[in-house]
């Protein structure tokens, strides 16, 4: 029987306002530092810009790591990560 795949969770921080893009880009750097310092299983971070007034930064963690990371970093939301 095949082992079930471990789900990955994308933790997301939303930023709004005129400085949203720069804030999301800067926040992503801190997320990458956190991954390195905490020796998390994945080194997946990024940011996206949706409009002049809305951007987000994100990091991907294993589902087993999600609660401890969530409690420390307090993301705004999360979703199951699908690799493309």
C-alpha atoms as a PDB file:
ATOM      1  CA  UNK A   1       0.000   0.000   0.000  1.00  0.00           C
ATOM      2  CA  UNK A   2       1.317   3.448  -0.941  1.00  0.00           C
ATOM      3  CA  UNK A   3       2.126   5.916   1.847  1.00  0.00           C
ATOM      4  CA  UNK A   4      -0.106   9.006   1.808  1.00  0.00           C
ATOM      5  CA  UNK A   5       1.676  12.144   0.665  1.00  0.00           C
ATOM      6  CA  UNK A   6       2.348  14.766   3.295  1.00  0.00           C
ATOM      7  CA  UNK A   7       0.345  17.871   2.602  1.00  0.00           C
ATOM      8  CA  UNK A   8       2.067  21.202   2.329  1.00  0.00           C
ATOM      9  CA  UNK A   9       0.386  24.340   3.656  1.00  0.00           C
ATOM     10  CA  UNK A  10       0.874  27.817   2.193  1.00  0.00           C
ATOM     11  CA  UNK A  11       0.782  30.416   4.983  1.00  0.00           C
ATOM     12  CA  UNK A  12      -0.199  33.841   3.671  1.00  0.00           C
ATOM     13  CA  UNK A  13       0.203  37.417   4.878  1.00  0.00           C
ATOM     14  CA  UNK A  14      -1.869  40.064   3.055  1.00  0.00           C
ATOM     15  CA  UNK A  15      -0.737  43.664   2.788  1.00  0.00           C
ATOM     16  CA  UNK A  16      -2.939  46.520   1.641  1.00  0.00           C
ATOM     17  CA  UNK A  17      -2.339  50.167   0.869  1.00  0.00           C
ATOM     18  CA  UNK A  18       0.136  52.172  -1.151  1.00  0.00           C
ATOM     19  CA  UNK A  19       3.155  50.410   0.385  1.00  0.00           C
ATOM     20  CA  UNK A  20       1.717  46.881   0.015  1.00  0.00           C
ATOM     21  CA  UNK A  21       4.119  45.745  -2.724  1.00  0.00           C
ATOM     22  CA  UNK A  22       7.297  46.829  -0.952  1.00  0.00           C
ATOM     23  CA  UNK A  23       6.029  45.506   2.380  1.00  0.00           C
ATOM     24  CA  UNK A  24       5.247  42.065   0.918  1.00  0.00           C
ATOM     25  CA  UNK A  25       8.666  41.861  -0.749  1.00  0.00           C
ATOM     26  CA  UNK A  26      10.391  42.822   2.507  1.00  0.00           C
ATOM     27  CA  UNK A  27       8.275  40.413   4.584  1.00  0.00           C
ATOM     28  CA  UNK A  28       9.233  37.538   2.263  1.00  0.00           C
ATOM     29  CA  UNK A  29      12.897  38.076   3.182  1.00  0.00           C
ATOM     30  CA  UNK A  30      12.049  37.641   6.864  1.00  0.00           C
ATOM     31  CA  UNK A  31      10.103  34.463   6.112  1.00  0.00           C
ATOM     32  CA  UNK A  32      13.135  33.015   4.296  1.00  0.00           C
ATOM     33  CA  UNK A  33      15.331  33.899   7.284  1.00  0.00           C
ATOM     34  CA  UNK A  34      12.868  32.186   9.635  1.00  0.00           C
ATOM     35  CA  UNK A  35      12.926  29.006   7.530  1.00  0.00           C
ATOM     36  CA  UNK A  36      16.729  28.948   7.648  1.00  0.00           C
ATOM     37  CA  UNK A  37      16.968  29.644  11.384  1.00  0.00           C
ATOM     38  CA  UNK A  38      14.275  27.128  12.335  1.00  0.00           C
ATOM     39  CA  UNK A  39      15.544  24.464   9.883  1.00  0.00           C
ATOM     40  CA  UNK A  40      12.096  23.879   8.396  1.00  0.00           C
ATOM     41  CA  UNK A  41      11.575  21.142   5.808  1.00  0.00           C
ATOM     42  CA  UNK A  42      10.925  23.440   2.834  1.00  0.00           C
ATOM     43  CA  UNK A  43      12.552  26.585   1.556  1.00  0.00           C
ATOM     44  CA  UNK A  44       9.578  27.894  -0.401  1.00  0.00           C
ATOM     45  CA  UNK A  45       8.670  31.570  -0.042  1.00  0.00           C
ATOM     46  CA  UNK A  46       7.433  34.277  -2.343  1.00  0.00           C
ATOM     47  CA  UNK A  47       5.234  37.275  -2.885  1.00  0.00           C
ATOM     48  CA  UNK A  48       2.511  38.277  -5.323  1.00  0.00           C
ATOM     49  CA  UNK A  49       1.071  41.621  -6.311  1.00  0.00           C
ATOM     50  CA  UNK A  50      -2.626  41.699  -7.120  1.00  0.00           C
ATOM     51  CA  UNK A  51      -3.116  45.427  -7.564  1.00  0.00           C
ATOM     52  CA  UNK A  52      -1.543  48.745  -6.570  1.00  0.00           C
ATOM     53  CA  UNK A  53      -3.231  48.329  -3.192  1.00  0.00           C
ATOM     54  CA  UNK A  54      -2.975  44.571  -2.437  1.00  0.00           C
ATOM     55  CA  UNK A  55       0.021  42.234  -2.240  1.00  0.00           C
ATOM     56  CA  UNK A  56       0.858  39.135  -0.266  1.00  0.00           C
ATOM     57  CA  UNK A  57       3.876  37.249   1.031  1.00  0.00           C
ATOM     58  CA  UNK A  58       3.846  33.522   1.687  1.00  0.00           C
ATOM     59  CA  UNK A  59       5.810  30.548   2.920  1.00  0.00           C
ATOM     60  CA  UNK A  60       5.168  26.824   2.546  1.00  0.00           C
ATOM     61  CA  UNK A  61       5.433  24.395   5.454  1.00  0.00           C
ATOM     62  CA  UNK A  62       4.636  20.755   6.034  1.00  0.00           C
ATOM     63  CA  UNK A  63       1.258  20.224   7.640  1.00  0.00           C
ATOM     64  CA  UNK A  64       3.082  18.818  10.683  1.00  0.00           C
ATOM     65  CA  UNK A  65       4.929  22.153  11.112  1.00  0.00           C
ATOM     66  CA  UNK A  66       1.923  24.376  10.434  1.00  0.00           C
ATOM     67  CA  UNK A  67       0.560  24.850  13.964  1.00  0.00           C
ATOM     68  CA  UNK A  68       3.862  25.782  15.575  1.00  0.00           C
ATOM     69  CA  UNK A  69       4.787  28.187  12.746  1.00  0.00           C
ATOM     70  CA  UNK A  70       1.268  29.656  12.707  1.00  0.00           C
ATOM     71  CA  UNK A  71       1.354  30.323  16.454  1.00  0.00           C
ATOM     72  CA  UNK A  72       4.689  32.170  16.203  1.00  0.00           C
ATOM     73  CA  UNK A  73       4.256  34.103  12.926  1.00  0.00           C
ATOM     74  CA  UNK A  74       0.464  34.623  12.907  1.00  0.00           C
ATOM     75  CA  UNK A  75      -0.331  34.499   9.172  1.00  0.00           C
ATOM     76  CA  UNK A  76      -3.590  36.039   7.973  1.00  0.00           C
ATOM     77  CA  UNK A  77      -4.708  32.854   6.224  1.00  0.00           C
ATOM     78  CA  UNK A  78      -3.559  29.554   4.808  1.00  0.00           C
ATOM     79  CA  UNK A  79      -4.380  27.079   2.072  1.00  0.00           C
ATOM     80  CA  UNK A  80      -3.225  23.698   0.845  1.00  0.00           C
ATOM     81  CA  UNK A  81      -0.168  24.185  -1.376  1.00  0.00           C
ATOM     82  CA  UNK A  82      -0.316  22.651  -4.826  1.00  0.00           C
ATOM     83  CA  UNK A  83       2.981  22.460  -6.696  1.00  0.00           C
ATOM     84  CA  UNK A  84       2.670  23.587 -10.292  1.00  0.00           C
END
